[in-house]
Amino acid sequence: MTTIMITGASGNIGRVLVDYLKKSYELTLVDVHFHDVEPALLDGTIVKELDLTVVGNWDGLLEGIDYVIHLAGNPSPDAVFDDALIGLNYKMPYYLFKESSKYENFVKRIIFASSIHAVSAYPKNVQVPVDVPVRPGDLYGVSKVYLEGLASHFAFTEGQESIGIRIGNFNENIDDPIVDEAGLAEYLSPRDFCHLVDCALKAKLVEPFLLVNGVSDNRFPRLDISQARTAIGYRPTDDAFVLKGFFKDDNGDPVELSEEH
């Protein structure tokens, strides 16, 4: 069975992804701890409690691994440039790519979590495609720009395939108060994220590095997902504005989107 290692597997996104992928793949889950994770979620997986900011903990970690999904890191937009941010968002991904470079033709692909924060300084009324200059709105976004550059470097100098996903506003609860009107434009549903990762795992790449935007099929999308559609076959099904009830028919039911939307 194909093997996947997920870093940051105990986080909100990690848990959703573990539940989705463990039916089809042999998963190795890595995080500093899994204390608050339901034991049933971990059934049938290999669990390793490791601090991946420690370089020695990477020794041999990728042996037998086909794909890596790298979610670990400091996700706070308020993060400052201190030891925590340096360790989690700079050193850790470097250690990952450096370790993967030791295994010739071994790790088939690294899929990593970038963020909309890499371009969040663009005006809110601007739809941002993936191929415009980066414009991070905070130091967390700067660290994601670094991660994208790091992956590109290892792709074109070492041949390590990778796909970066600029994740939008991921939230399991569309009714969460933080999912306001602006957040709806950036919304990425758990279902669409899992599908996007599926696409990233199965896609055939023209070049060894690809960066895609990750939001749902929102009526007014903050990020342009056309490249994800054409390059890896992403077909999202959720529209945050419909899920939130902004668009309804005469009977008061949510409007269904056409296939052309």
Protein backbone atom coordinates (compact mmCIF):
# COMPACT_ATOMS: atom_id res chain seq x y z
CA MET A 1 0.00 0.00 0.00
CA THR A 2 1.18 3.53 -0.76
CA THR A 3 2.66 5.24 2.28
CA ILE A 4 2.12 8.85 3.30
CA MET A 5 3.70 10.77 6.16
CA ILE A 6 1.72 13.72 7.52
CA THR A 7 3.48 16.31 9.67
CA GLY A 8 1.34 18.41 11.97
CA ALA A 9 -1.18 15.57 11.91
CA SER A 10 -2.84 16.49 15.22
CA GLY A 11 -3.91 19.95 14.00
CA ASN A 12 -7.36 20.90 12.74
CA ILE A 13 -6.49 20.36 9.09
CA GLY A 14 -4.42 17.28 9.89
CA ARG A 15 -7.26 15.50 11.65
CA VAL A 16 -9.65 16.03 8.75
CA LEU A 17 -7.06 14.76 6.32
CA VAL A 18 -6.14 11.72 8.42
CA ASP A 19 -9.78 10.67 8.62
CA TYR A 20 -10.10 11.02 4.85
CA LEU A 21 -6.85 9.36 3.76
CA LYS A 22 -6.46 6.48 6.17
CA LYS A 23 -9.04 4.41 4.28
CA SER A 24 -6.81 4.29 1.21
CA TYR A 25 -3.23 4.80 2.38
CA GLU A 26 -0.82 3.61 5.03
CA LEU A 27 -0.30 6.72 7.16
CA THR A 28 2.57 7.75 9.40
CA LEU A 29 1.47 10.64 11.59
CA VAL A 30 4.03 12.96 13.13
CA ASP A 31 3.52 15.73 15.67
CA VAL A 32 4.90 16.81 19.03
CA HIS A 33 1.96 15.11 20.78
CA PHE A 34 -1.44 13.55 20.15
CA HIS A 35 -2.86 14.01 23.66
CA ASP A 36 -6.15 15.57 22.56
CA VAL A 37 -6.73 13.43 19.47
CA GLU A 38 -9.49 10.83 19.59
CA PRO A 39 -7.80 7.40 19.76
CA ALA A 40 -10.20 6.06 17.10
CA LEU A 41 -8.76 8.52 14.58
CA LEU A 42 -5.30 7.04 15.10
CA ASP A 43 -6.41 3.42 14.66
CA GLY A 44 -4.57 1.74 11.81
CA THR A 45 -1.92 4.45 11.56
CA ILE A 46 1.70 4.73 12.68
CA VAL A 47 2.06 7.52 15.25
CA LYS A 48 5.37 9.23 16.04
CA GLU A 49 5.60 11.96 18.66
CA LEU A 50 8.59 14.00 17.55
CA ASP A 51 9.75 17.60 17.66
CA LEU A 52 10.67 18.15 14.03
CA THR A 53 12.53 21.37 14.79
CA VAL A 54 15.27 19.08 16.12
CA VAL A 55 17.39 18.07 13.15
CA GLY A 56 18.35 14.69 14.63
CA ASN A 57 14.70 13.61 14.74
CA TRP A 58 14.67 13.50 10.95
CA ASP A 59 17.30 10.75 10.75
CA GLY A 60 15.70 7.86 8.86
CA LEU A 61 12.21 9.33 9.28
CA LEU A 62 11.43 9.17 5.56
CA GLU A 63 12.50 5.57 5.05
CA GLY A 64 9.66 3.69 3.37
CA ILE A 65 7.65 6.87 2.75
CA ASP A 66 6.21 7.49 -0.73
CA TYR A 67 4.60 10.91 -0.15
CA VAL A 68 4.92 13.61 2.50
CA ILE A 69 2.13 16.03 3.35
CA HIS A 70 3.72 18.84 5.33
CA LEU A 71 1.20 20.73 7.47
CA ALA A 72 3.30 21.44 10.56
CA GLY A 73 4.25 24.99 11.44
CA ASN A 74 3.25 28.08 13.37
CA PRO A 75 -0.07 29.12 11.75
CA SER A 76 -0.56 32.41 13.57
CA PRO A 77 -0.78 35.58 11.43
CA ASP A 78 0.38 37.42 14.56
CA ALA A 79 3.59 35.40 14.79
CA VAL A 80 6.75 37.45 15.29
CA PHE A 81 10.21 36.66 14.05
CA ASP A 82 11.42 34.80 17.11
CA ASP A 83 12.82 31.38 17.90
CA ALA A 84 9.40 29.70 17.59
CA LEU A 85 8.73 31.03 14.10
CA ILE A 86 12.30 30.35 12.99
CA GLY A 87 12.19 26.79 14.25
CA LEU A 88 8.74 25.81 13.03
CA ASN A 89 8.45 27.72 9.76
CA TYR A 90 12.05 27.98 8.59
CA LYS A 91 14.21 25.23 10.08
CA MET A 92 11.63 22.44 10.05
CA PRO A 93 10.76 22.61 6.32
CA TYR A 94 14.46 22.92 5.49
CA TYR A 95 15.15 19.76 7.46
CA LEU A 96 12.34 18.01 5.56
CA PHE A 97 13.64 18.88 2.12
CA LYS A 98 17.24 18.23 3.13
CA GLU A 99 16.35 14.79 4.46
CA SER A 100 14.29 13.98 1.37
CA SER A 101 17.26 14.82 -0.85
CA LYS A 102 19.12 11.87 0.69
CA TYR A 103 16.67 9.41 -0.84
CA GLU A 104 17.19 9.27 -4.59
CA ASN A 105 13.85 8.52 -6.29
CA PHE A 106 12.42 7.58 -2.89
CA VAL A 107 10.04 10.30 -1.72
CA LYS A 108 7.86 10.68 -4.79
CA ARG A 109 6.34 14.04 -3.88
CA ILE A 110 6.06 16.54 -1.06
CA ILE A 111 2.74 18.35 -0.75
CA PHE A 112 3.03 21.32 1.56
CA ALA A 113 0.71 23.83 3.14
CA SER A 114 1.40 27.34 1.98
CA SER A 115 -1.13 30.05 2.76
CA ILE A 116 -3.23 32.86 1.38
CA HIS A 117 -1.14 35.03 3.71
CA ALA A 118 1.64 34.87 1.09
CA VAL A 119 -0.49 37.31 -0.94
CA SER A 120 -2.79 38.81 1.69
CA ALA A 121 -1.46 42.35 1.26
CA TYR A 122 -3.25 42.66 -2.07
CA PRO A 123 -6.44 44.75 -1.77
CA LYS A 124 -9.42 42.72 -0.56
CA ASN A 125 -11.37 43.43 -3.75
CA VAL A 126 -8.62 41.95 -5.94
CA GLN A 127 -8.79 38.31 -7.01
CA VAL A 128 -5.27 36.96 -6.74
CA PRO A 129 -3.97 34.42 -9.27
CA VAL A 130 -1.11 32.14 -8.35
CA ASP A 131 1.41 33.64 -10.79
CA VAL A 132 1.51 37.26 -9.58
CA PRO A 133 4.33 38.57 -7.36
CA VAL A 134 4.04 37.55 -3.73
CA ARG A 135 2.73 40.20 -1.35
CA PRO A 136 2.62 38.82 2.21
CA GLY A 137 0.60 40.79 4.71
CA ASP A 138 2.39 39.55 7.83
CA LEU A 139 5.52 37.69 8.92
CA TYR A 140 3.65 34.40 8.87
CA GLY A 141 2.99 35.04 5.17
CA VAL A 142 6.67 35.83 4.70
CA SER A 143 7.54 32.40 6.12
CA LYS A 144 5.22 30.77 3.59
CA VAL A 145 6.91 32.65 0.76
CA TYR A 146 10.18 31.21 2.08
CA LEU A 147 8.65 27.71 2.05
CA GLU A 148 7.50 28.12 -1.54
CA GLY A 149 10.99 29.26 -2.56
CA LEU A 150 12.61 26.42 -0.63
CA ALA A 151 10.44 23.84 -2.37
CA SER A 152 11.16 25.36 -5.76
CA HIS A 153 14.90 25.30 -5.03
CA PHE A 154 14.90 21.60 -4.15
CA ALA A 155 12.65 20.81 -7.10
CA PHE A 156 14.89 22.38 -9.73
CA THR A 157 18.27 21.61 -8.18
CA GLU A 158 17.65 18.20 -6.56
CA GLY A 159 14.66 16.94 -8.55
CA GLN A 160 12.40 16.66 -5.51
CA GLU A 161 8.83 16.97 -6.75
CA SER A 162 6.55 19.16 -4.69
CA ILE A 163 3.17 20.87 -4.85
CA GLY A 164 2.36 23.83 -2.64
CA ILE A 165 -1.23 24.71 -1.75
CA ARG A 166 -2.00 28.28 -0.75
CA ILE A 167 -4.72 27.39 1.72
CA GLY A 168 -7.47 29.94 2.17
CA ASN A 169 -9.85 30.18 5.12
CA PHE A 170 -10.10 26.52 6.19
CA ASN A 171 -12.92 25.97 8.67
CA GLU A 172 -15.09 22.97 9.47
CA ASN A 173 -17.92 25.23 10.65
CA ILE A 174 -19.29 27.63 8.04
CA ASP A 175 -21.35 29.27 10.82
CA ASP A 176 -18.28 30.17 12.85
CA PRO A 177 -18.43 33.95 13.49
CA ILE A 178 -14.92 34.37 12.09
CA VAL A 179 -16.24 33.28 8.68
CA ASP A 180 -17.53 36.76 7.81
CA GLU A 181 -18.23 38.15 4.32
CA ALA A 182 -14.53 38.58 3.59
CA GLY A 183 -13.82 35.12 4.98
CA LEU A 184 -16.41 33.58 2.66
CA ALA A 185 -14.41 34.70 -0.37
CA GLU A 186 -11.39 32.89 1.07
CA TYR A 187 -13.26 29.85 2.34
CA LEU A 188 -11.94 26.32 1.80
CA SER A 189 -14.23 23.56 2.99
CA PRO A 190 -12.82 20.34 4.47
CA ARG A 191 -14.41 18.35 1.64
CA ASP A 192 -12.81 20.49 -1.05
CA PHE A 193 -9.44 20.48 0.72
CA CYS A 194 -9.40 16.67 0.87
CA HIS A 195 -10.28 16.54 -2.82
CA LEU A 196 -7.51 19.04 -3.59
CA VAL A 197 -4.96 16.90 -1.75
CA ASP A 198 -6.21 13.88 -3.69
CA CYS A 199 -5.58 15.78 -6.91
CA ALA A 200 -2.10 16.78 -5.72
CA LEU A 201 -1.24 13.17 -4.90
CA LYS A 202 -2.36 11.80 -8.26
CA ALA A 203 -1.42 14.60 -10.69
CA LYS A 204 1.24 14.21 -13.35
CA LEU A 205 3.47 17.26 -13.28
CA VAL A 206 5.01 18.96 -16.29
CA GLU A 207 7.72 20.43 -14.05
CA PRO A 208 8.87 19.24 -10.61
CA PHE A 209 7.35 22.20 -8.75
CA LEU A 210 3.78 23.48 -8.81
CA LEU A 211 1.97 26.06 -6.73
CA VAL A 212 -1.83 26.17 -6.64
CA ASN A 213 -4.45 28.24 -4.86
CA GLY A 214 -6.75 26.46 -2.45
CA VAL A 215 -10.25 27.85 -1.95
CA SER A 216 -13.67 26.35 -2.59
CA ASP A 217 -15.88 27.16 -5.57
CA ASN A 218 -16.96 30.42 -3.96
CA ARG A 219 -19.17 32.75 -5.95
CA PHE A 220 -16.78 35.63 -5.26
CA PRO A 221 -13.40 33.89 -4.82
CA ARG A 222 -10.50 35.77 -3.28
CA LEU A 223 -8.01 33.43 -5.00
CA ASP A 224 -8.11 32.36 -8.64
CA ILE A 225 -8.26 28.54 -8.78
CA SER A 226 -8.15 28.19 -12.56
CA GLN A 227 -4.61 26.81 -12.48
CA ALA A 228 -5.58 24.17 -9.92
CA ARG A 229 -8.43 23.18 -12.22
CA THR A 230 -6.31 22.84 -15.34
CA ALA A 231 -3.02 21.60 -13.87
CA ILE A 232 -4.23 18.95 -11.42
CA GLY A 233 -7.96 18.51 -12.10
CA TYR A 234 -9.34 20.28 -9.02
CA ARG A 235 -13.15 20.30 -9.08
CA PRO A 236 -14.45 21.87 -5.85
CA THR A 237 -18.11 21.42 -4.98
CA ASP A 238 -18.80 23.92 -2.18
CA ASP A 239 -19.66 27.61 -2.43
CA ALA A 240 -19.32 29.45 0.89
CA PHE A 241 -21.90 32.06 -0.08
CA VAL A 242 -24.51 29.38 -0.77
CA LEU A 243 -23.58 27.41 2.36
CA LYS A 244 -23.95 30.59 4.40
CA GLY A 245 -27.41 31.21 2.91
CA PHE A 246 -26.69 34.39 0.95
CA PHE A 247 -28.26 32.94 -2.21
CA LYS A 248 -31.66 31.20 -1.99
CA ASP A 249 -34.49 30.37 -4.35
CA ASP A 250 -38.12 31.44 -4.02
CA ASN A 251 -38.78 28.63 -1.56
CA GLY A 252 -35.99 29.77 0.71
CA ASP A 253 -33.71 26.90 -0.18
CA PRO A 254 -30.03 27.45 -1.01
CA VAL A 255 -29.41 27.98 -4.70
CA GLU A 256 -27.64 25.08 -6.38
CA LEU A 257 -24.71 26.06 -8.56
CA SER A 258 -24.67 25.04 -12.20
CA GLU A 259 -21.87 22.88 -13.55
CA GLU A 260 -20.62 25.85 -15.54
CA HIS A 261 -20.05 27.93 -12.40
